[in-house]
Amino acid sequence: MITYIQVEETPAEQTTEETTEASTADAAEEEDSQPTENENLRKIFTGGLNRETTDEEMKIYFGKFGKIEDCVILKDRNDNKSKGFGFVTYKTIAETDACIKQKKTEEGHVLGDKKIEVKRAIPK
């Protein structure tokens, strides 16, 4: 004995479009929520900063080398004055490497008329 069942079919175009839209949305959401590269390799230490340098000035300067995920100058808890160093985290390792390469040139890194030290941040 043979039994037949009726299966509803959807047009192939509709299924393909819906699947593509869902995949694209999932990929974009995943990309935003989780960095694909190790943060330790995307973070640089900036030392020797002028005490008057602001977070915004530092972000503008280091933004020349790539998209910045985070940028901070460390400040004293008591008087809220700059400690003279900070950290910048780029979106990709390639952008971090481009920034580090600049220090090897003759000009190096100069921010606020002061030559500053830039190197990959090493977590303790």
Protein backbone atom coordinates (compact mmCIF):
# COMPACT_ATOMS: atom_id res chain seq x y z
CA MET A 1 0.00 0.00 0.00
CA ILE A 2 1.31 3.44 -0.90
CA THR A 3 0.31 6.59 1.04
CA TYR A 4 0.65 10.06 -0.42
CA ILE A 5 0.84 13.28 1.54
CA GLN A 6 0.38 16.76 0.21
CA VAL A 7 3.30 19.14 0.80
CA GLU A 8 2.90 22.87 0.44
CA GLU A 9 5.70 24.41 -1.56
CA THR A 10 6.90 27.99 -1.38
CA PRO A 11 8.30 29.72 -4.42
CA ALA A 12 12.09 29.22 -4.63
CA GLU A 13 12.71 32.98 -4.96
CA GLN A 14 10.95 33.77 -1.70
CA THR A 15 12.83 31.11 0.24
CA THR A 16 16.20 32.20 -1.13
CA GLU A 17 15.53 35.88 -0.37
CA GLU A 18 14.37 35.18 3.17
CA THR A 19 17.35 32.92 3.83
CA THR A 20 19.81 35.52 2.48
CA GLU A 21 18.27 38.33 4.55
CA ALA A 22 18.32 36.20 7.70
CA SER A 23 21.94 35.12 7.11
CA THR A 24 23.06 38.70 6.47
CA ALA A 25 21.33 39.98 9.61
CA ASP A 26 22.78 37.16 11.73
CA ALA A 27 26.28 37.77 10.38
CA ALA A 28 26.09 41.53 11.03
CA GLU A 29 24.80 40.99 14.57
CA GLU A 30 27.53 38.44 15.31
CA GLU A 31 30.21 40.74 13.88
CA ASP A 32 29.13 43.62 16.12
CA SER A 33 28.79 41.56 19.29
CA GLN A 34 32.10 39.68 19.24
CA PRO A 35 35.47 40.96 18.07
CA THR A 36 37.05 38.44 15.74
CA GLU A 37 40.62 39.25 16.71
CA ASN A 38 42.29 39.01 20.10
CA GLU A 39 41.99 42.30 22.01
CA ASN A 40 45.50 41.93 23.44
CA LEU A 41 46.91 42.17 19.92
CA ARG A 42 44.76 45.20 19.04
CA LYS A 43 45.68 47.33 22.07
CA ILE A 44 48.57 49.79 22.28
CA PHE A 45 50.18 51.61 25.19
CA THR A 46 50.86 55.34 24.72
CA GLY A 47 53.41 56.83 27.09
CA GLY A 48 54.99 60.23 27.59
CA LEU A 49 51.78 62.12 26.88
CA ASN A 50 51.58 65.82 27.64
CA ARG A 51 49.55 66.17 30.87
CA GLU A 52 47.21 68.55 29.02
CA THR A 53 46.38 66.07 26.23
CA THR A 54 42.69 65.09 26.23
CA ASP A 55 41.03 61.77 25.36
CA GLU A 56 39.49 63.46 22.31
CA GLU A 57 42.85 64.76 21.02
CA MET A 58 44.36 61.32 21.43
CA LYS A 59 41.40 59.71 19.63
CA ILE A 60 41.71 62.14 16.71
CA TYR A 61 45.47 61.55 16.39
CA PHE A 62 45.36 57.75 16.59
CA GLY A 63 42.25 57.63 14.40
CA LYS A 64 44.56 58.35 11.45
CA PHE A 65 45.77 54.75 11.63
CA GLY A 66 42.39 52.99 11.76
CA LYS A 67 39.04 52.61 13.48
CA ILE A 68 39.28 52.98 17.24
CA GLU A 69 37.26 50.74 19.51
CA ASP A 70 38.43 52.34 22.78
CA CYS A 71 40.71 55.21 23.75
CA VAL A 72 41.53 56.31 27.30
CA ILE A 73 44.07 58.43 29.16
CA LEU A 74 44.59 57.26 32.73
CA LYS A 75 43.98 59.88 35.42
CA ASP A 76 44.89 60.22 39.07
CA ARG A 77 41.98 59.31 41.37
CA ASN A 78 42.58 62.21 43.74
CA ASP A 79 43.00 65.20 41.43
CA ASN A 80 41.71 63.77 38.12
CA LYS A 81 44.88 64.91 36.31
CA SER A 82 46.46 62.86 33.53
CA LYS A 83 49.10 60.34 34.56
CA GLY A 84 50.81 60.90 31.18
CA PHE A 85 49.89 57.57 29.57
CA GLY A 86 46.92 55.78 28.08
CA PHE A 87 45.67 52.98 25.88
CA VAL A 88 44.12 52.74 22.42
CA THR A 89 42.30 49.65 21.14
CA TYR A 90 41.82 49.34 17.38
CA LYS A 91 39.18 47.28 15.58
CA THR A 92 41.80 45.11 13.81
CA ILE A 93 45.34 43.90 14.33
CA ALA A 94 46.33 45.36 10.94
CA GLU A 95 45.35 48.86 12.12
CA THR A 96 47.34 48.35 15.32
CA ASP A 97 50.36 47.24 13.30
CA ALA A 98 50.08 50.31 11.05
CA CYS A 99 50.19 52.55 14.13
CA ILE A 100 53.17 50.72 15.62
CA LYS A 101 55.02 50.90 12.28
CA GLN A 102 54.79 54.71 12.36
CA LYS A 103 57.04 54.82 15.44
CA LYS A 104 59.80 53.20 13.40
CA THR A 105 59.85 56.11 10.98
CA GLU A 106 62.00 59.18 11.55
CA GLU A 107 59.06 61.28 12.75
CA GLY A 108 57.74 58.69 15.20
CA HIS A 109 54.58 59.72 17.03
CA VAL A 110 54.14 63.35 18.05
CA LEU A 111 51.04 64.49 19.93
CA GLY A 112 50.69 67.95 21.45
CA ASP A 113 54.20 68.95 20.31
CA LYS A 114 55.64 66.08 22.34
CA LYS A 115 57.19 62.88 21.03
CA ILE A 116 55.36 59.95 22.61
CA GLU A 117 56.11 56.27 23.07
CA VAL A 118 53.82 53.76 21.37
CA LYS A 119 54.03 50.00 21.77
CA ARG A 120 51.76 46.98 21.91
CA ALA A 121 50.14 46.74 25.35
CA ILE A 122 51.15 43.62 27.28
CA PRO A 123 48.61 42.48 29.92
CA LYS A 124 49.99 41.72 33.39
